[in-house]
PDB file of N, CA and C in Angstrom:
ATOM      1  N   MET A   1       1.124  15.134  -4.634  1.00  0.00           N
ATOM      2  CA  MET A   1       0.268  14.143  -4.035  1.00  0.00           C
ATOM      3  C   MET A   1      -0.922  13.725  -4.914  1.00  0.00           C
ATOM      4  N   PRO A   2      -1.265  14.461  -5.983  1.00  0.00           N
ATOM      5  CA  PRO A   2      -2.391  14.027  -6.810  1.00  0.00           C
ATOM      6  C   PRO A   2      -2.169  12.654  -7.441  1.00  0.00           C
ATOM      7  N   GLU A   3      -0.938  12.317  -7.762  1.00  0.00           N
ATOM      8  CA  GLU A   3      -0.668  11.013  -8.365  1.00  0.00           C
ATOM      9  C   GLU A   3      -1.018   9.889  -7.396  1.00  0.00           C
ATOM     10  N   LEU A   4      -0.674  10.061  -6.118  1.00  0.00           N
ATOM     11  CA  LEU A   4      -1.007   9.058  -5.114  1.00  0.00           C
ATOM     12  C   LEU A   4      -2.517   8.938  -4.981  1.00  0.00           C
ATOM     13  N   HIS A   5      -3.204  10.055  -4.966  1.00  0.00           N
ATOM     14  CA  HIS A   5      -4.659  10.048  -4.858  1.00  0.00           C
ATOM     15  C   HIS A   5      -5.275   9.231  -5.997  1.00  0.00           C
ATOM     16  N   ASP A   6      -4.819   9.454  -7.221  1.00  0.00           N
ATOM     17  CA  ASP A   6      -5.334   8.715  -8.374  1.00  0.00           C
ATOM     18  C   ASP A   6      -5.035   7.228  -8.258  1.00  0.00           C
ATOM     19  N   LEU A   7      -3.834   6.911  -7.834  1.00  0.00           N
ATOM     20  CA  LEU A   7      -3.434   5.512  -7.690  1.00  0.00           C
ATOM     21  C   LEU A   7      -4.268   4.812  -6.615  1.00  0.00           C
ATOM     22  N   VAL A   8      -4.439   5.454  -5.479  1.00  0.00           N
ATOM     23  CA  VAL A   8      -5.247   4.883  -4.404  1.00  0.00           C
ATOM     24  C   VAL A   8      -6.680   4.651  -4.889  1.00  0.00           C
ATOM     25  N   ASN A   9      -7.229   5.603  -5.636  1.00  0.00           N
ATOM     26  CA  ASN A   9      -8.579   5.426  -6.177  1.00  0.00           C
ATOM     27  C   ASN A   9      -8.663   4.237  -7.123  1.00  0.00           C
ATOM     28  N   GLU A  10      -7.653   4.059  -7.964  1.00  0.00           N
ATOM     29  CA  GLU A  10      -7.633   2.908  -8.879  1.00  0.00           C
ATOM     30  C   GLU A  10      -7.579   1.603  -8.090  1.00  0.00           C
ATOM     31  N   TRP A  11      -6.722   1.555  -7.071  1.00  0.00           N
ATOM     32  CA  TRP A  11      -6.616   0.352  -6.246  1.00  0.00           C
ATOM     33  C   TRP A  11      -7.941   0.072  -5.542  1.00  0.00           C
ATOM     34  N   ARG A  12      -8.558   1.105  -5.010  1.00  0.00           N
ATOM     35  CA  ARG A  12      -9.825   0.952  -4.292  1.00  0.00           C
ATOM     36  C   ARG A  12     -10.907   0.431  -5.251  1.00  0.00           C
ATOM     37  N   GLU A  13     -11.005   1.013  -6.446  1.00  0.00           N
ATOM     38  CA  GLU A  13     -12.007   0.600  -7.424  1.00  0.00           C
ATOM     39  C   GLU A  13     -11.791  -0.837  -7.879  1.00  0.00           C
ATOM     40  N   GLY A  14     -10.533  -1.255  -7.962  1.00  0.00           N
ATOM     41  CA  GLY A  14     -10.234  -2.616  -8.383  1.00  0.00           C
ATOM     42  C   GLY A  14     -10.709  -3.661  -7.384  1.00  0.00           C
ATOM     43  N   GLY A  15     -10.765  -3.279  -6.110  1.00  0.00           N
ATOM     44  CA  GLY A  15     -11.296  -4.159  -5.082  1.00  0.00           C
ATOM     45  C   GLY A  15     -10.376  -5.251  -4.581  1.00  0.00           C
ATOM     46  N   CYS A  16      -9.187  -5.368  -5.136  1.00  0.00           N
ATOM     47  CA  CYS A  16      -8.273  -6.442  -4.730  1.00  0.00           C
ATOM     48  C   CYS A  16      -7.159  -5.954  -3.816  1.00  0.00           C
ATOM     49  N   ILE A  17      -7.116  -4.659  -3.577  1.00  0.00           N
ATOM     50  CA  ILE A  17      -6.061  -4.089  -2.740  1.00  0.00           C
ATOM     51  C   ILE A  17      -6.723  -3.332  -1.596  1.00  0.00           C
ATOM     52  N   ARG A  18      -6.413  -3.775  -0.382  1.00  0.00           N
ATOM     53  CA  ARG A  18      -7.002  -3.130   0.791  1.00  0.00           C
ATOM     54  C   ARG A  18      -5.951  -2.555   1.719  1.00  0.00           C
ATOM     55  N   SER A  19      -4.682  -2.892   1.439  1.00  0.00           N
ATOM     56  CA  SER A  19      -3.602  -2.373   2.282  1.00  0.00           C
ATOM     57  C   SER A  19      -2.346  -2.164   1.446  1.00  0.00           C
ATOM     58  N   VAL A  20      -1.407  -1.431   2.034  1.00  0.00           N
ATOM     59  CA  VAL A  20      -0.143  -1.135   1.366  1.00  0.00           C
ATOM     60  C   VAL A  20       1.004  -1.333   2.353  1.00  0.00           C
ATOM     61  N   LYS A  21       2.195  -1.471   1.810  1.00  0.00           N
ATOM     62  CA  LYS A  21       3.403  -1.543   2.625  1.00  0.00           C
ATOM     63  C   LYS A  21       4.187  -0.257   2.419  1.00  0.00           C
ATOM     64  N   TRP A  22       4.629   0.331   3.504  1.00  0.00           N
ATOM     65  CA  TRP A  22       5.355   1.609   3.501  1.00  0.00           C
ATOM     66  C   TRP A  22       6.840   1.344   3.310  1.00  0.00           C
ATOM     67  N   HIS A  23       7.484   2.134   2.462  1.00  0.00           N
ATOM     68  CA  HIS A  23       8.919   1.995   2.214  1.00  0.00           C
ATOM     69  C   HIS A  23       9.592   3.360   2.313  1.00  0.00           C
ATOM     70  N   THR A  24      10.845   3.358   2.720  1.00  0.00           N
ATOM     71  CA  THR A  24      11.653   4.574   2.714  1.00  0.00           C
ATOM     72  C   THR A  24      12.978   4.274   2.038  1.00  0.00           C
ATOM     73  N   VAL A  25      13.689   5.314   1.705  1.00  0.00           N
ATOM     74  CA  VAL A  25      15.027   5.164   1.132  1.00  0.00           C
ATOM     75  C   VAL A  25      15.998   4.673   2.212  1.00  0.00           C
ATOM     76  N   ASN A  26      15.620   4.910   3.476  1.00  0.00           N
ATOM     77  CA  ASN A  26      16.396   4.445   4.627  1.00  0.00           C
ATOM     78  C   ASN A  26      17.789   5.064   4.682  1.00  0.00           C
ATOM     79  N   ASP A  27      17.827   6.380   4.512  1.00  0.00           N
ATOM     80  CA  ASP A  27      19.098   7.080   4.659  1.00  0.00           C
ATOM     81  C   ASP A  27      18.948   8.187   5.707  1.00  0.00           C
ATOM     82  N   ASP A  28      19.933   9.041   5.820  1.00  0.00           N
ATOM     83  CA  ASP A  28      19.923  10.087   6.845  1.00  0.00           C
ATOM     84  C   ASP A  28      18.866  11.162   6.620  1.00  0.00           C
ATOM     85  N   PHE A  29      18.270  11.220   5.443  1.00  0.00           N
ATOM     86  CA  PHE A  29      17.280  12.244   5.148  1.00  0.00           C
ATOM     87  C   PHE A  29      15.841  11.815   5.446  1.00  0.00           C
ATOM     88  N   VAL A  30      15.663  10.574   5.810  1.00  0.00           N
ATOM     89  CA  VAL A  30      14.320  10.080   6.141  1.00  0.00           C
ATOM     90  C   VAL A  30      13.915  10.651   7.494  1.00  0.00           C
ATOM     91  N   CYS A  31      12.710  11.195   7.551  1.00  0.00           N
ATOM     92  CA  CYS A  31      12.243  11.785   8.817  1.00  0.00           C
ATOM     93  C   CYS A  31      11.899  10.675   9.819  1.00  0.00           C
ATOM     94  N   ASP A  32      11.842  11.044  11.078  1.00  0.00           N
ATOM     95  CA  ASP A  32      11.554  10.075  12.139  1.00  0.00           C
ATOM     96  C   ASP A  32      10.174   9.437  11.991  1.00  0.00           C
ATOM     97  N   ILE A  33       9.208  10.223  11.531  1.00  0.00           N
ATOM     98  CA  ILE A  33       7.856   9.688  11.345  1.00  0.00           C
ATOM     99  C   ILE A  33       7.880   8.547  10.336  1.00  0.00           C
ATOM    100  N   CYS A  34       8.491   8.794   9.198  1.00  0.00           N
ATOM    101  CA  CYS A  34       8.516   7.778   8.143  1.00  0.00           C
ATOM    102  C   CYS A  34       9.425   6.603   8.504  1.00  0.00           C
ATOM    103  N   ARG A  35      10.497   6.878   9.204  1.00  0.00           N
ATOM    104  CA  ARG A  35      11.381   5.794   9.635  1.00  0.00           C
ATOM    105  C   ARG A  35      10.610   4.802  10.513  1.00  0.00           C
ATOM    106  N   SER A  36       9.724   5.319  11.364  1.00  0.00           N
ATOM    107  CA  SER A  36       8.943   4.433  12.238  1.00  0.00           C
ATOM    108  C   SER A  36       7.901   3.627  11.464  1.00  0.00           C
ATOM    109  N   ARG A  37       7.526   4.084  10.285  1.00  0.00           N
ATOM    110  CA  ARG A  37       6.530   3.380   9.464  1.00  0.00           C
ATOM    111  C   ARG A  37       7.147   2.393   8.481  1.00  0.00           C
ATOM    112  N   SER A  38       8.444   2.470   8.294  1.00  0.00           N
ATOM    113  CA  SER A  38       9.113   1.674   7.266  1.00  0.00           C
ATOM    114  C   SER A  38       8.826   0.182   7.406  1.00  0.00           C
ATOM    115  N   GLU A  39       8.438  -0.429   6.292  1.00  0.00           N
ATOM    116  CA  GLU A  39       8.155  -1.852   6.153  1.00  0.00           C
ATOM    117  C   GLU A  39       6.917  -2.312   6.930  1.00  0.00           C
ATOM    118  N   LYS A  40       6.085  -1.381   7.346  1.00  0.00           N
ATOM    119  CA  LYS A  40       4.835  -1.726   8.021  1.00  0.00           C
ATOM    120  C   LYS A  40       3.673  -1.635   7.044  1.00  0.00           C
ATOM    121  N   GLU A  41       2.595  -2.356   7.365  1.00  0.00           N
ATOM    122  CA  GLU A  41       1.406  -2.348   6.532  1.00  0.00           C
ATOM    123  C   GLU A  41       0.381  -1.361   7.076  1.00  0.00           C
ATOM    124  N   PHE A  42      -0.306  -0.698   6.138  1.00  0.00           N
ATOM    125  CA  PHE A  42      -1.346   0.259   6.485  1.00  0.00           C
ATOM    126  C   PHE A  42      -2.543   0.036   5.576  1.00  0.00           C
ATOM    127  N   LEU A  43      -3.729   0.299   6.101  1.00  0.00           N
ATOM    128  CA  LEU A  43      -4.939   0.182   5.302  1.00  0.00           C
ATOM    129  C   LEU A  43      -4.927   1.215   4.184  1.00  0.00           C
ATOM    130  N   LEU A  44      -5.485   0.836   3.060  1.00  0.00           N
ATOM    131  CA  LEU A  44      -5.553   1.727   1.912  1.00  0.00           C
ATOM    132  C   LEU A  44      -6.275   3.025   2.264  1.00  0.00           C
ATOM    133  N   ASP A  45      -7.290   2.926   3.101  1.00  0.00           N
ATOM    134  CA  ASP A  45      -8.066   4.116   3.463  1.00  0.00           C
ATOM    135  C   ASP A  45      -7.286   5.137   4.282  1.00  0.00           C
ATOM    136  N   GLU A  46      -6.169   4.746   4.884  1.00  0.00           N
ATOM    137  CA  GLU A  46      -5.420   5.692   5.703  1.00  0.00           C
ATOM    138  C   GLU A  46      -4.131   6.197   5.051  1.00  0.00           C
ATOM    139  N   VAL A  47      -3.726   5.636   3.936  1.00  0.00           N
ATOM    140  CA  VAL A  47      -2.404   5.950   3.381  1.00  0.00           C
ATOM    141  C   VAL A  47      -2.283   7.393   2.886  1.00  0.00           C
ATOM    142  N   GLU A  48      -3.335   7.950   2.306  1.00  0.00           N
ATOM    143  CA  GLU A  48      -3.224   9.322   1.808  1.00  0.00           C
ATOM    144  C   GLU A  48      -2.982  10.318   2.937  1.00  0.00           C
ATOM    145  N   SER A  49      -3.668  10.157   4.039  1.00  0.00           N
ATOM    146  CA  SER A  49      -3.452  11.083   5.157  1.00  0.00           C
ATOM    147  C   SER A  49      -2.070  10.875   5.769  1.00  0.00           C
ATOM    148  N   LEU A  50      -1.580   9.646   5.777  1.00  0.00           N
ATOM    149  CA  LEU A  50      -0.235   9.388   6.299  1.00  0.00           C
ATOM    150  C   LEU A  50       0.829  10.007   5.407  1.00  0.00           C
ATOM    151  N   MET A  51       0.642   9.915   4.090  1.00  0.00           N
ATOM    152  CA  MET A  51       1.617  10.491   3.164  1.00  0.00           C
ATOM    153  C   MET A  51       1.640  12.007   3.265  1.00  0.00           C
ATOM    154  N   SER A  52       0.528  12.618   3.615  1.00  0.00           N
ATOM    155  CA  SER A  52       0.504  14.076   3.714  1.00  0.00           C
ATOM    156  C   SER A  52       1.332  14.569   4.899  1.00  0.00           C
ATOM    157  N   GLU A  53       1.642  13.688   5.849  1.00  0.00           N
ATOM    158  CA  GLU A  53       2.490  14.046   6.984  1.00  0.00           C
ATOM    159  C   GLU A  53       3.972  13.990   6.628  1.00  0.00           C
ATOM    160  N   CYS A  54       4.277  13.399   5.507  1.00  0.00           N
ATOM    161  CA  CYS A  54       5.645  13.203   5.054  1.00  0.00           C
ATOM    162  C   CYS A  54       6.083  14.416   4.225  1.00  0.00           C
ATOM    163  N   ASP A  55       7.306  14.891   4.468  1.00  0.00           N
ATOM    164  CA  ASP A  55       7.765  16.071   3.738  1.00  0.00           C
ATOM    165  C   ASP A  55       9.133  15.823   3.113  1.00  0.00           C
ATOM    166  N   ASN A  56       9.129  15.389   1.865  1.00  0.00           N
ATOM    167  CA  ASN A  56      10.355  15.240   1.069  1.00  0.00           C
ATOM    168  C   ASN A  56      11.360  14.221   1.584  1.00  0.00           C
ATOM    169  N   CYS A  57      10.895  13.153   2.186  1.00  0.00           N
ATOM    170  CA  CYS A  57      11.895  12.152   2.589  1.00  0.00           C
ATOM    171  C   CYS A  57      11.817  10.908   1.700  1.00  0.00           C
ATOM    172  N   ARG A  58      11.143  11.039   0.565  1.00  0.00           N
ATOM    173  CA  ARG A  58      11.178  10.035  -0.501  1.00  0.00           C
ATOM    174  C   ARG A  58      10.593   8.684  -0.118  1.00  0.00           C
ATOM    175  N   CYS A  59       9.419   8.720   0.457  1.00  0.00           N
ATOM    176  CA  CYS A  59       8.707   7.493   0.810  1.00  0.00           C
ATOM    177  C   CYS A  59       7.852   7.037  -0.368  1.00  0.00           C
ATOM    178  N   TRP A  60       7.498   5.762  -0.340  1.00  0.00           N
ATOM    179  CA  TRP A  60       6.547   5.251  -1.316  1.00  0.00           C
ATOM    180  C   TRP A  60       5.842   4.050  -0.698  1.00  0.00           C
ATOM    181  N   VAL A  61       4.743   3.669  -1.298  1.00  0.00           N
ATOM    182  CA  VAL A  61       3.995   2.506  -0.830  1.00  0.00           C
ATOM    183  C   VAL A  61       3.849   1.523  -1.978  1.00  0.00           C
ATOM    184  N   THR A  62       3.734   0.260  -1.616  1.00  0.00           N
ATOM    185  CA  THR A  62       3.459  -0.778  -2.610  1.00  0.00           C
ATOM    186  C   THR A  62       2.168  -1.484  -2.205  1.00  0.00           C
ATOM    187  N   PRO A  63       1.353  -1.849  -3.173  1.00  0.00           N
ATOM    188  CA  PRO A  63       0.078  -2.489  -2.854  1.00  0.00           C
ATOM    189  C   PRO A  63       0.268  -3.923  -2.359  1.00  0.00           C
ATOM    190  N   ILE A  64      -0.607  -4.329  -1.475  1.00  0.00           N
ATOM    191  CA  ILE A  64      -0.653  -5.713  -1.017  1.00  0.00           C
ATOM    192  C   ILE A  64      -1.961  -6.291  -1.552  1.00  0.00           C
ATOM    193  N   VAL A  65      -1.855  -7.265  -2.426  1.00  0.00           N
ATOM    194  CA  VAL A  65      -3.030  -7.843  -3.078  1.00  0.00           C
ATOM    195  C   VAL A  65      -3.728  -8.796  -2.116  1.00  0.00           C
ATOM    196  N   ASP A  66      -5.023  -8.610  -1.969  1.00  0.00           N
ATOM    197  CA  ASP A  66      -5.869  -9.516  -1.193  1.00  0.00           C
ATOM    198  C   ASP A  66      -6.175 -10.709  -2.100  1.00  0.00           C
ATOM    199  N   ILE A  67      -5.505 -11.822  -1.850  1.00  0.00           N
ATOM    200  CA  ILE A  67      -5.614 -12.992  -2.731  1.00  0.00           C
ATOM    201  C   ILE A  67      -7.052 -13.481  -2.830  1.00  0.00           C
ATOM    202  N   GLN A  68      -7.778 -13.474  -1.722  1.00  0.00           N
ATOM    203  CA  GLN A  68      -9.165 -13.931  -1.753  1.00  0.00           C
ATOM    204  C   GLN A  68     -10.004 -13.030  -2.654  1.00  0.00           C
ATOM    205  N   ALA A  69      -9.860 -11.714  -2.511  1.00  0.00           N
ATOM    206  CA  ALA A  69     -10.613 -10.780  -3.350  1.00  0.00           C
ATOM    207  C   ALA A  69     -10.194 -10.915  -4.810  1.00  0.00           C
ATOM    208  N   PHE A  70      -8.899 -11.138  -5.046  1.00  0.00           N
ATOM    209  CA  PHE A  70      -8.411 -11.308  -6.405  1.00  0.00           C
ATOM    210  C   PHE A  70      -9.029 -12.561  -7.019  1.00  0.00           C
ATOM    211  N   GLY A  71      -9.043 -13.644  -6.257  1.00  0.00           N
ATOM    212  CA  GLY A  71      -9.644 -14.893  -6.736  1.00  0.00           C
ATOM    213  C   GLY A  71     -11.119 -14.718  -7.020  1.00  0.00           C
ATOM    214  N   ASP A  72     -11.824 -13.987  -6.151  1.00  0.00           N
ATOM    215  CA  ASP A  72     -13.248 -13.737  -6.360  1.00  0.00           C
ATOM    216  C   ASP A  72     -13.484 -12.943  -7.635  1.00  0.00           C
ATOM    217  N   SER A  73     -12.597 -11.991  -7.922  1.00  0.00           N
ATOM    218  CA  SER A  73     -12.783 -11.173  -9.123  1.00  0.00           C
ATOM    219  C   SER A  73     -12.582 -11.997 -10.389  1.00  0.00           C
ATOM    220  N   LEU A  74     -11.882 -13.097 -10.272  1.00  0.00           N
ATOM    221  CA  LEU A  74     -11.662 -13.987 -11.417  1.00  0.00           C
ATOM    222  C   LEU A  74     -12.569 -15.205 -11.371  1.00  0.00           C
ATOM    223  N   ASP A  75     -13.467 -15.228 -10.368  1.00  0.00           N
ATOM    224  CA  ASP A  75     -14.312 -16.384 -10.123  1.00  0.00           C
ATOM    225  C   ASP A  75     -13.445 -17.616  -9.863  1.00  0.00           C
ATOM    226  N   PHE A  76     -12.394 -17.427  -9.070  1.00  0.00           N
ATOM    227  CA  PHE A  76     -11.437 -18.471  -8.747  1.00  0.00           C
ATOM    228  C   PHE A  76     -11.030 -18.322  -7.289  1.00  0.00           C
ATOM    229  N   THR A  77     -11.035 -19.412  -6.570  1.00  0.00           N
ATOM    230  CA  THR A  77     -10.593 -19.390  -5.176  1.00  0.00           C
ATOM    231  C   THR A  77      -9.413 -20.327  -5.039  1.00  0.00           C
ATOM    232  N   PRO A  78      -8.241 -19.821  -4.659  1.00  0.00           N
ATOM    233  CA  PRO A  78      -7.089 -20.698  -4.510  1.00  0.00           C
ATOM    234  C   PRO A  78      -7.296 -21.687  -3.363  1.00  0.00           C
ATOM    235  N   GLU A  79      -6.822 -22.892  -3.563  1.00  0.00           N
ATOM    236  CA  GLU A  79      -6.864 -23.890  -2.513  1.00  0.00           C
ATOM    237  C   GLU A  79      -5.827 -23.554  -1.457  1.00  0.00           C
ATOM    238  N   GLU A  80      -6.008 -24.038  -0.247  1.00  0.00           N
ATOM    239  CA  GLU A  80      -5.037 -23.774   0.796  1.00  0.00           C
ATOM    240  C   GLU A  80      -3.668 -24.325   0.384  1.00  0.00           C
ATOM    241  N   GLY A  81      -2.661 -23.503   0.543  1.00  0.00           N
ATOM    242  CA  GLY A  81      -1.299 -23.908   0.176  1.00  0.00           C
ATOM    243  C   GLY A  81      -0.977 -23.661  -1.281  1.00  0.00           C
ATOM    244  N   GLU A  82      -1.932 -23.207  -2.068  1.00  0.00           N
ATOM    245  CA  GLU A  82      -1.698 -22.955  -3.490  1.00  0.00           C
ATOM    246  C   GLU A  82      -1.227 -21.509  -3.645  1.00  0.00           C
ATOM    247  N   TYR A  83      -0.130 -21.316  -4.321  1.00  0.00           N
ATOM    248  CA  TYR A  83       0.462 -19.986  -4.462  1.00  0.00           C
ATOM    249  C   TYR A  83       0.564 -19.601  -5.915  1.00  0.00           C
ATOM    250  N   PHE A  84       0.624 -18.308  -6.132  1.00  0.00           N
ATOM    251  CA  PHE A  84       0.802 -17.793  -7.498  1.00  0.00           C
ATOM    252  C   PHE A  84       2.241 -17.473  -7.730  1.00  0.00           C
TER     253      PHE A  84
END
């Protein structure tokens, strides 16, 4: 779990990531807890405690970039309907 802790800290320090999406391998070895979280979004501040409840069912999270915060960090604000 130390790798996740470091990654979460990097995301938090960057300021552009405030939430993550939960993923599972989606096979028979995934626990019921993680199966219920699959493909749902969670705040960055809660993901470490959620991962500690998981025991070897091969879950991972992917960051969800806050476009507004990302634009602010570049001194750029996307117009409505403008996508990257």
